Amino acid sequence: MDTQRNSNVTERGDIKSRHTLRRDQQIDNPCYKEHLMSLKCVTSNKTKDTCTQYFINYRNCKDFWASVQRERRLKGIKPYLPPLEERAKIKTDFLNSQ
């Protein structure tokens, strides 16, 4: 068994855990911030009822980026999930079109 860790393995500093993540979540998950906010709300409040808005925000974020990925896949643009530097522009373009 290989005991060396992969160089792109990150640990979650916000949640005490001995487990590590296999990918860099800030790059691979465009809704990482919303994800952490919903987890923090549940952890601090101990009930899901008070965190409904965080869950809705996270779900809307996931739906938005899924639609972006679907659109890019149909157009043949790779990678399907835009790189970090393109995401801010895509979000502002979407918000300005609304």
C-alpha atoms as a PDB file:
ATOM      1  CA  MET A   1       0.000   0.000   0.000  1.00  0.00           C
ATOM      2  CA  ASP A   2       1.349   3.387  -0.960  1.00  0.00           C
ATOM      3  CA  THR A   3       1.602   5.625   2.081  1.00  0.00           C
ATOM      4  CA  GLN A   4       2.527   8.776   0.168  1.00  0.00           C
ATOM      5  CA  ARG A   5      -0.221  11.280  -0.325  1.00  0.00           C
ATOM      6  CA  ASN A   6      -1.085  12.795  -3.630  1.00  0.00           C
ATOM      7  CA  SER A   7       0.170  16.361  -3.963  1.00  0.00           C
ATOM      8  CA  ASN A   8      -3.251  17.690  -4.995  1.00  0.00           C
ATOM      9  CA  VAL A   9      -5.059  16.221  -1.976  1.00  0.00           C
ATOM     10  CA  THR A  10      -6.443  18.933   0.269  1.00  0.00           C
ATOM     11  CA  GLU A  11      -7.709  18.816   3.801  1.00  0.00           C
ATOM     12  CA  ARG A  12     -10.811  20.585   4.999  1.00  0.00           C
ATOM     13  CA  GLY A  13      -9.716  23.104   7.563  1.00  0.00           C
ATOM     14  CA  ASP A  14     -13.266  24.107   8.434  1.00  0.00           C
ATOM     15  CA  ILE A  15     -14.332  20.669   9.654  1.00  0.00           C
ATOM     16  CA  LYS A  16     -12.197  18.622  12.003  1.00  0.00           C
ATOM     17  CA  SER A  17     -11.607  15.365  10.222  1.00  0.00           C
ATOM     18  CA  ARG A  18      -8.808  12.946   9.656  1.00  0.00           C
ATOM     19  CA  HIS A  19     -10.115  12.281   6.171  1.00  0.00           C
ATOM     20  CA  THR A  20      -8.755  14.138   3.205  1.00  0.00           C
ATOM     21  CA  LEU A  21     -10.450  15.088  -0.019  1.00  0.00           C
ATOM     22  CA  ARG A  22      -9.198  13.574  -3.234  1.00  0.00           C
ATOM     23  CA  ARG A  23      -9.619  16.746  -5.286  1.00  0.00           C
ATOM     24  CA  ASP A  24      -9.161  20.448  -4.766  1.00  0.00           C
ATOM     25  CA  GLN A  25     -12.747  21.409  -3.987  1.00  0.00           C
ATOM     26  CA  GLN A  26     -12.227  25.110  -4.656  1.00  0.00           C
ATOM     27  CA  ILE A  27     -11.368  24.279  -8.265  1.00  0.00           C
ATOM     28  CA  ASP A  28     -13.679  21.319  -8.889  1.00  0.00           C
ATOM     29  CA  ASN A  29     -16.758  22.630  -7.093  1.00  0.00           C
ATOM     30  CA  PRO A  30     -17.927  26.060  -8.273  1.00  0.00           C
ATOM     31  CA  CYS A  31     -20.367  26.138  -5.338  1.00  0.00           C
ATOM     32  CA  TYR A  32     -17.791  25.329  -2.684  1.00  0.00           C
ATOM     33  CA  LYS A  33     -18.387  28.588  -0.806  1.00  0.00           C
ATOM     34  CA  GLU A  34     -22.148  27.976  -0.683  1.00  0.00           C
ATOM     35  CA  HIS A  35     -21.516  24.392   0.394  1.00  0.00           C
ATOM     36  CA  LEU A  36     -19.342  25.509   3.318  1.00  0.00           C
ATOM     37  CA  MET A  37     -21.853  28.168   4.350  1.00  0.00           C
ATOM     38  CA  SER A  38     -24.681  25.614   4.509  1.00  0.00           C
ATOM     39  CA  LEU A  39     -22.525  23.197   6.521  1.00  0.00           C
ATOM     40  CA  LYS A  40     -21.493  25.970   8.885  1.00  0.00           C
ATOM     41  CA  CYS A  41     -25.120  26.950   9.405  1.00  0.00           C
ATOM     42  CA  VAL A  42     -26.162  23.394  10.229  1.00  0.00           C
ATOM     43  CA  THR A  43     -23.184  22.921  12.524  1.00  0.00           C
ATOM     44  CA  SER A  44     -23.786  26.129  14.443  1.00  0.00           C
ATOM     45  CA  ASN A  45     -27.596  25.885  14.654  1.00  0.00           C
ATOM     46  CA  LYS A  46     -27.991  22.118  15.081  1.00  0.00           C
ATOM     47  CA  THR A  47     -31.202  22.244  13.048  1.00  0.00           C
ATOM     48  CA  LYS A  48     -31.904  22.309   9.334  1.00  0.00           C
ATOM     49  CA  ASP A  49     -35.008  24.477   9.642  1.00  0.00           C
ATOM     50  CA  THR A  50     -33.058  27.691  10.198  1.00  0.00           C
ATOM     51  CA  CYS A  51     -30.712  26.987   7.266  1.00  0.00           C
ATOM     52  CA  THR A  52     -33.298  26.714   4.510  1.00  0.00           C
ATOM     53  CA  GLN A  53     -32.061  29.817   2.700  1.00  0.00           C
ATOM     54  CA  TYR A  54     -28.512  28.462   2.615  1.00  0.00           C
ATOM     55  CA  PHE A  55     -29.761  25.197   1.111  1.00  0.00           C
ATOM     56  CA  ILE A  56     -31.802  27.060  -1.509  1.00  0.00           C
ATOM     57  CA  ASN A  57     -28.805  29.204  -2.390  1.00  0.00           C
ATOM     58  CA  TYR A  58     -26.589  26.120  -2.720  1.00  0.00           C
ATOM     59  CA  ARG A  59     -29.174  24.326  -4.880  1.00  0.00           C
ATOM     60  CA  ASN A  60     -29.551  27.377  -7.142  1.00  0.00           C
ATOM     61  CA  CYS A  61     -25.783  27.548  -7.512  1.00  0.00           C
ATOM     62  CA  LYS A  62     -25.561  23.852  -8.424  1.00  0.00           C
ATOM     63  CA  ASP A  63     -28.427  24.226 -10.923  1.00  0.00           C
ATOM     64  CA  PHE A  64     -26.780  27.255 -12.536  1.00  0.00           C
ATOM     65  CA  TRP A  65     -23.415  25.557 -13.018  1.00  0.00           C
ATOM     66  CA  ALA A  66     -25.080  22.355 -14.237  1.00  0.00           C
ATOM     67  CA  SER A  67     -26.831  24.392 -16.928  1.00  0.00           C
ATOM     68  CA  VAL A  68     -23.529  26.057 -17.865  1.00  0.00           C
ATOM     69  CA  GLN A  69     -21.875  22.650 -18.154  1.00  0.00           C
ATOM     70  CA  ARG A  70     -24.766  21.288 -20.225  1.00  0.00           C
ATOM     71  CA  GLU A  71     -24.607  24.271 -22.579  1.00  0.00           C
ATOM     72  CA  ARG A  72     -20.829  23.953 -22.990  1.00  0.00           C
ATOM     73  CA  ARG A  73     -21.144  20.217 -23.635  1.00  0.00           C
ATOM     74  CA  LEU A  74     -23.747  20.811 -26.361  1.00  0.00           C
ATOM     75  CA  LYS A  75     -21.495  23.431 -27.978  1.00  0.00           C
ATOM     76  CA  GLY A  76     -18.466  21.137 -27.744  1.00  0.00           C
ATOM     77  CA  ILE A  77     -16.526  23.473 -25.442  1.00  0.00           C
ATOM     78  CA  LYS A  78     -14.055  21.675 -23.188  1.00  0.00           C
ATOM     79  CA  PRO A  79     -13.598  21.597 -20.286  1.00  0.00           C
ATOM     80  CA  TYR A  80     -17.301  21.458 -19.552  1.00  0.00           C
ATOM     81  CA  LEU A  81     -16.807  23.168 -16.201  1.00  0.00           C
ATOM     82  CA  PRO A  82     -15.137  26.515 -16.927  1.00  0.00           C
ATOM     83  CA  PRO A  83     -11.784  27.270 -15.283  1.00  0.00           C
ATOM     84  CA  LEU A  84     -11.728  29.507 -12.217  1.00  0.00           C
ATOM     85  CA  GLU A  85     -10.676  32.599 -14.155  1.00  0.00           C
ATOM     86  CA  GLU A  86     -13.696  32.309 -16.512  1.00  0.00           C
ATOM     87  CA  ARG A  87     -16.326  31.656 -13.835  1.00  0.00           C
ATOM     88  CA  ALA A  88     -16.581  35.239 -12.573  1.00  0.00           C
ATOM     89  CA  LYS A  89     -17.173  36.530 -16.109  1.00  0.00           C
ATOM     90  CA  ILE A  90     -19.831  33.876 -16.776  1.00  0.00           C
ATOM     91  CA  LYS A  91     -21.651  34.780 -13.549  1.00  0.00           C
ATOM     92  CA  THR A  92     -21.599  38.525 -14.273  1.00  0.00           C
ATOM     93  CA  ASP A  93     -22.748  37.977 -17.860  1.00  0.00           C
ATOM     94  CA  PHE A  94     -25.644  35.865 -16.594  1.00  0.00           C
ATOM     95  CA  LEU A  95     -26.617  38.419 -13.942  1.00  0.00           C
ATOM     96  CA  ASN A  96     -26.450  41.273 -16.438  1.00  0.00           C
ATOM     97  CA  SER A  97     -28.700  39.387 -18.874  1.00  0.00           C
ATOM     98  CA  GLN A  98     -31.426  38.978 -16.247  1.00  0.00           C
END
